[in-house]
C-alpha atoms as a PDB file:
ATOM      1  CA  UNK A   1     -79.787 119.270  32.510  1.00  0.00           C
ATOM      2  CA  UNK A   2     -78.842 119.543  36.193  1.00  0.00           C
ATOM      3  CA  UNK A   3     -76.543 121.508  38.480  1.00  0.00           C
ATOM      4  CA  UNK A   4     -74.790 120.531  41.665  1.00  0.00           C
ATOM      5  CA  UNK A   5     -74.786 123.244  44.312  1.00  0.00           C
ATOM      6  CA  UNK A   6     -72.737 123.274  47.503  1.00  0.00           C
ATOM      7  CA  UNK A   7     -74.990 124.580  50.265  1.00  0.00           C
ATOM      8  CA  UNK A   8     -73.834 126.522  53.334  1.00  0.00           C
ATOM      9  CA  UNK A   9     -74.175 123.433  55.525  1.00  0.00           C
ATOM     10  CA  UNK A  10     -71.683 121.601  53.289  1.00  0.00           C
ATOM     11  CA  UNK A  11     -74.277 119.367  51.657  1.00  0.00           C
ATOM     12  CA  UNK A  12     -74.546 119.086  47.905  1.00  0.00           C
ATOM     13  CA  UNK A  13     -77.946 119.675  46.359  1.00  0.00           C
ATOM     14  CA  UNK A  14     -78.839 118.558  42.850  1.00  0.00           C
ATOM     15  CA  UNK A  15     -81.124 120.937  40.979  1.00  0.00           C
ATOM     16  CA  UNK A  16     -82.863 119.890  37.814  1.00  0.00           C
ATOM     17  CA  UNK A  17     -83.296 122.723  35.344  1.00  0.00           C
ATOM     18  CA  UNK A  18     -86.577 122.468  33.584  1.00  0.00           C
ATOM     19  CA  UNK A  19     -86.091 124.582  30.468  1.00  0.00           C
ATOM     20  CA  UNK A  20     -89.536 123.558  29.312  1.00  0.00           C
ATOM     21  CA  UNK A  21     -91.053 125.826  31.984  1.00  0.00           C
ATOM     22  CA  UNK A  22     -89.712 128.936  30.242  1.00  0.00           C
ATOM     23  CA  UNK A  23     -90.177 127.438  26.794  1.00  0.00           C
ATOM     24  CA  UNK A  24     -93.835 126.667  27.570  1.00  0.00           C
ATOM     25  CA  UNK A  25     -94.645 130.273  28.472  1.00  0.00           C
ATOM     26  CA  UNK A  26     -92.729 131.696  25.511  1.00  0.00           C
ATOM     27  CA  UNK A  27     -94.875 133.094  22.694  1.00  0.00           C
ATOM     28  CA  UNK A  28     -94.085 134.122  19.125  1.00  0.00           C
ATOM     29  CA  UNK A  29     -95.599 137.269  17.632  1.00  0.00           C
ATOM     30  CA  UNK A  30     -96.783 137.781  14.049  1.00  0.00           C
ATOM     31  CA  UNK A  31     -93.253 138.856  13.011  1.00  0.00           C
ATOM     32  CA  UNK A  32     -91.616 135.725  14.418  1.00  0.00           C
ATOM     33  CA  UNK A  33     -90.214 137.465  17.511  1.00  0.00           C
ATOM     34  CA  UNK A  34     -90.326 135.553  20.752  1.00  0.00           C
ATOM     35  CA  UNK A  35     -91.700 137.140  23.907  1.00  0.00           C
ATOM     36  CA  UNK A  36     -92.875 136.257  27.392  1.00  0.00           C
ATOM     37  CA  UNK A  37     -95.904 137.709  29.200  1.00  0.00           C
ATOM     38  CA  UNK A  38     -94.909 139.294  32.486  1.00  0.00           C
ATOM     39  CA  UNK A  39     -97.815 137.779  34.431  1.00  0.00           C
ATOM     40  CA  UNK A  40     -96.850 134.276  33.314  1.00  0.00           C
ATOM     41  CA  UNK A  41     -93.183 134.935  34.077  1.00  0.00           C
ATOM     42  CA  UNK A  42     -94.205 136.204  37.518  1.00  0.00           C
ATOM     43  CA  UNK A  43     -95.738 132.820  38.324  1.00  0.00           C
ATOM     44  CA  UNK A  44     -92.734 130.919  36.932  1.00  0.00           C
ATOM     45  CA  UNK A  45     -90.428 133.019  39.123  1.00  0.00           C
ATOM     46  CA  UNK A  46     -92.589 132.252  42.170  1.00  0.00           C
ATOM     47  CA  UNK A  47     -93.768 135.783  42.865  1.00  0.00           C
ATOM     48  CA  UNK A  48     -97.154 135.857  44.561  1.00  0.00           C
ATOM     49  CA  UNK A  49     -98.141 139.507  44.128  1.00  0.00           C
ATOM     50  CA  UNK A  50     -98.165 141.593  40.964  1.00  0.00           C
ATOM     51  CA  UNK A  51     -97.152 144.789  42.785  1.00  0.00           C
ATOM     52  CA  UNK A  52     -94.000 143.121  44.161  1.00  0.00           C
ATOM     53  CA  UNK A  53     -93.143 141.816  40.703  1.00  0.00           C
ATOM     54  CA  UNK A  54     -93.781 145.290  39.233  1.00  0.00           C
ATOM     55  CA  UNK A  55     -91.001 146.612  41.490  1.00  0.00           C
ATOM     56  CA  UNK A  56     -88.626 144.116  39.855  1.00  0.00           C
ATOM     57  CA  UNK A  57     -89.909 145.063  36.387  1.00  0.00           C
ATOM     58  CA  UNK A  58     -89.380 148.759  37.144  1.00  0.00           C
ATOM     59  CA  UNK A  59     -85.790 148.094  38.251  1.00  0.00           C
ATOM     60  CA  UNK A  60     -85.219 146.108  35.052  1.00  0.00           C
ATOM     61  CA  UNK A  61     -86.703 148.960  32.981  1.00  0.00           C
ATOM     62  CA  UNK A  62     -84.267 151.392  34.655  1.00  0.00           C
ATOM     63  CA  UNK A  63     -81.379 149.072  33.790  1.00  0.00           C
ATOM     64  CA  UNK A  64     -82.617 148.878  30.195  1.00  0.00           C
ATOM     65  CA  UNK A  65     -82.867 152.662  30.017  1.00  0.00           C
ATOM     66  CA  UNK A  66     -79.420 153.135  31.567  1.00  0.00           C
ATOM     67  CA  UNK A  67     -77.932 150.858  28.916  1.00  0.00           C
ATOM     68  CA  UNK A  68     -79.476 153.167  26.289  1.00  0.00           C
ATOM     69  CA  UNK A  69     -81.844 150.556  24.880  1.00  0.00           C
ATOM     70  CA  UNK A  70     -85.316 151.474  23.660  1.00  0.00           C
ATOM     71  CA  UNK A  71     -87.628 150.396  26.472  1.00  0.00           C
ATOM     72  CA  UNK A  72     -90.621 149.653  24.236  1.00  0.00           C
ATOM     73  CA  UNK A  73     -88.511 147.190  22.242  1.00  0.00           C
ATOM     74  CA  UNK A  74     -88.149 145.073  25.372  1.00  0.00           C
ATOM     75  CA  UNK A  75     -90.978 146.021  27.767  1.00  0.00           C
ATOM     76  CA  UNK A  76     -94.115 146.546  25.715  1.00  0.00           C
ATOM     77  CA  UNK A  77     -97.026 147.376  28.010  1.00  0.00           C
ATOM     78  CA  UNK A  78    -100.224 145.609  26.955  1.00  0.00           C
ATOM     79  CA  UNK A  79    -103.676 145.081  28.359  1.00  0.00           C
ATOM     80  CA  UNK A  80    -104.993 141.650  29.179  1.00  0.00           C
ATOM     81  CA  UNK A  81    -108.667 140.810  29.730  1.00  0.00           C
ATOM     82  CA  UNK A  82    -109.561 138.682  32.741  1.00  0.00           C
ATOM     83  CA  UNK A  83    -112.879 137.116  33.636  1.00  0.00           C
ATOM     84  CA  UNK A  84    -114.587 138.222  36.820  1.00  0.00           C
ATOM     85  CA  UNK A  85    -117.628 136.895  38.628  1.00  0.00           C
ATOM     86  CA  UNK A  86    -120.963 136.757  36.779  1.00  0.00           C
ATOM     87  CA  UNK A  87    -119.410 137.007  33.334  1.00  0.00           C
ATOM     88  CA  UNK A  88    -117.869 140.442  33.866  1.00  0.00           C
ATOM     89  CA  UNK A  89    -114.465 141.238  32.372  1.00  0.00           C
ATOM     90  CA  UNK A  90    -111.753 143.681  33.274  1.00  0.00           C
ATOM     91  CA  UNK A  91    -108.540 144.762  31.596  1.00  0.00           C
ATOM     92  CA  UNK A  92    -105.352 144.404  33.610  1.00  0.00           C
ATOM     93  CA  UNK A  93    -101.832 145.608  32.894  1.00  0.00           C
ATOM     94  CA  UNK A  94     -99.306 143.176  31.467  1.00  0.00           C
ATOM     95  CA  UNK A  95     -96.079 143.368  29.469  1.00  0.00           C
ATOM     96  CA  UNK A  96     -94.713 141.577  26.437  1.00  0.00           C
ATOM     97  CA  UNK A  97     -91.109 140.959  27.411  1.00  0.00           C
ATOM     98  CA  UNK A  98     -88.156 140.294  25.134  1.00  0.00           C
ATOM     99  CA  UNK A  99     -85.487 137.776  26.101  1.00  0.00           C
ATOM    100  CA  UNK A 100     -83.324 140.734  27.168  1.00  0.00           C
ATOM    101  CA  UNK A 101     -86.131 142.072  29.379  1.00  0.00           C
ATOM    102  CA  UNK A 102     -86.528 138.659  31.015  1.00  0.00           C
ATOM    103  CA  UNK A 103     -82.796 138.523  31.607  1.00  0.00           C
ATOM    104  CA  UNK A 104     -82.866 141.973  33.243  1.00  0.00           C
ATOM    105  CA  UNK A 105     -85.829 140.942  35.386  1.00  0.00           C
ATOM    106  CA  UNK A 106     -84.007 137.851  36.617  1.00  0.00           C
ATOM    107  CA  UNK A 107     -80.919 139.947  37.377  1.00  0.00           C
ATOM    108  CA  UNK A 108     -83.045 142.324  39.460  1.00  0.00           C
ATOM    109  CA  UNK A 109     -85.175 139.621  41.094  1.00  0.00           C
ATOM    110  CA  UNK A 110     -84.897 138.100  44.544  1.00  0.00           C
ATOM    111  CA  UNK A 111     -81.753 135.982  44.226  1.00  0.00           C
ATOM    112  CA  UNK A 112     -82.770 133.933  47.276  1.00  0.00           C
ATOM    113  CA  UNK A 113     -85.410 132.275  45.101  1.00  0.00           C
ATOM    114  CA  UNK A 114     -84.234 129.110  43.386  1.00  0.00           C
ATOM    115  CA  UNK A 115     -86.527 129.930  40.450  1.00  0.00           C
ATOM    116  CA  UNK A 116     -84.626 133.195  39.881  1.00  0.00           C
ATOM    117  CA  UNK A 117     -81.275 131.391  39.773  1.00  0.00           C
ATOM    118  CA  UNK A 118     -82.664 128.845  37.327  1.00  0.00           C
ATOM    119  CA  UNK A 119     -84.191 131.577  35.160  1.00  0.00           C
ATOM    120  CA  UNK A 120     -80.897 133.481  35.114  1.00  0.00           C
ATOM    121  CA  UNK A 121     -79.160 130.376  33.862  1.00  0.00           C
ATOM    122  CA  UNK A 122     -81.868 129.681  31.281  1.00  0.00           C
ATOM    123  CA  UNK A 123     -81.817 133.197  29.817  1.00  0.00           C
ATOM    124  CA  UNK A 124     -78.005 133.357  29.772  1.00  0.00           C
ATOM    125  CA  UNK A 125     -77.800 130.056  27.902  1.00  0.00           C
ATOM    126  CA  UNK A 126     -80.582 130.985  25.491  1.00  0.00           C
ATOM    127  CA  UNK A 127     -78.931 134.328  24.775  1.00  0.00           C
ATOM    128  CA  UNK A 128     -75.645 132.572  24.058  1.00  0.00           C
ATOM    129  CA  UNK A 129     -77.407 130.140  21.747  1.00  0.00           C
ATOM    130  CA  UNK A 130     -78.797 133.065  19.799  1.00  0.00           C
ATOM    131  CA  UNK A 131     -75.311 134.567  19.534  1.00  0.00           C
ATOM    132  CA  UNK A 132     -74.001 131.368  18.026  1.00  0.00           C
ATOM    133  CA  UNK A 133     -75.662 131.295  14.652  1.00  0.00           C
ATOM    134  CA  UNK A 134     -77.253 128.147  13.366  1.00  0.00           C
ATOM    135  CA  UNK A 135     -74.709 127.870  10.585  1.00  0.00           C
ATOM    136  CA  UNK A 136     -71.811 128.046  13.033  1.00  0.00           C
ATOM    137  CA  UNK A 137     -73.430 125.428  15.245  1.00  0.00           C
ATOM    138  CA  UNK A 138     -74.199 123.140  12.328  1.00  0.00           C
ATOM    139  CA  UNK A 139     -70.544 123.232  11.253  1.00  0.00           C
ATOM    140  CA  UNK A 140     -69.515 121.699  14.574  1.00  0.00           C
ATOM    141  CA  UNK A 141     -69.069 117.938  14.754  1.00  0.00           C
ATOM    142  CA  UNK A 142     -70.814 115.982  17.535  1.00  0.00           C
ATOM    143  CA  UNK A 143     -67.806 116.168  19.892  1.00  0.00           C
ATOM    144  CA  UNK A 144     -67.560 119.948  19.434  1.00  0.00           C
ATOM    145  CA  UNK A 145     -71.306 120.318  20.054  1.00  0.00           C
ATOM    146  CA  UNK A 146     -70.993 118.261  23.220  1.00  0.00           C
ATOM    147  CA  UNK A 147     -68.033 120.392  24.341  1.00  0.00           C
ATOM    148  CA  UNK A 148     -70.012 123.551  23.591  1.00  0.00           C
ATOM    149  CA  UNK A 149     -72.949 122.345  25.712  1.00  0.00           C
ATOM    150  CA  UNK A 150     -70.529 121.370  28.488  1.00  0.00           C
ATOM    151  CA  UNK A 151     -69.042 124.875  28.459  1.00  0.00           C
ATOM    152  CA  UNK A 152     -72.547 126.327  28.733  1.00  0.00           C
ATOM    153  CA  UNK A 153     -73.212 124.130  31.749  1.00  0.00           C
ATOM    154  CA  UNK A 154     -69.897 125.150  33.319  1.00  0.00           C
ATOM    155  CA  UNK A 155     -70.675 128.855  32.803  1.00  0.00           C
ATOM    156  CA  UNK A 156     -74.126 128.377  34.284  1.00  0.00           C
ATOM    157  CA  UNK A 157     -72.659 126.626  37.321  1.00  0.00           C
ATOM    158  CA  UNK A 158     -70.199 129.497  37.800  1.00  0.00           C
ATOM    159  CA  UNK A 159     -73.087 131.962  37.764  1.00  0.00           C
ATOM    160  CA  UNK A 160     -75.016 129.953  40.338  1.00  0.00           C
ATOM    161  CA  UNK A 161     -71.895 129.648  42.500  1.00  0.00           C
ATOM    162  CA  UNK A 162     -71.378 133.431  42.433  1.00  0.00           C
ATOM    163  CA  UNK A 163     -74.989 133.962  43.420  1.00  0.00           C
ATOM    164  CA  UNK A 164     -74.700 131.454  46.258  1.00  0.00           C
ATOM    165  CA  UNK A 165     -71.519 133.123  47.549  1.00  0.00           C
ATOM    166  CA  UNK A 166     -73.268 136.490  47.794  1.00  0.00           C
ATOM    167  CA  UNK A 167     -75.643 135.005  50.350  1.00  0.00           C
END
């Protein structure tokens, strides 16, 4: 999938959306629920420092709280063991993030980053796919499925355009 973006200088830039990036870091828990680890998402969103990314996570947590969702259902704090020099180990803070949490993080992230815009599009489309049940989708013929995917692309392009206009 790709998007065409009109840049400020009038040139058109083609951006390839690599959904596999977000799919590759997605995990499934023992109950079949998908989640993303915050430290892996941080790298995918091109953040270099955990403390800067934590600011984005905290803003997303506030948004989750303000929408009266249960924070622990979306931002589950977990420990992660890392290897240090000479075989030592240390536990560091991480989060298991729901799709909704990832969406909130991308909405609160640095919109100047191309990775944020791509992640916003990815999580919007994936959320919409979840809204459309498998049975509804399966009832569509091939032309209707193609039209549905085209509408998703159009909506994603609109979102990217709005983001670009804010800059």
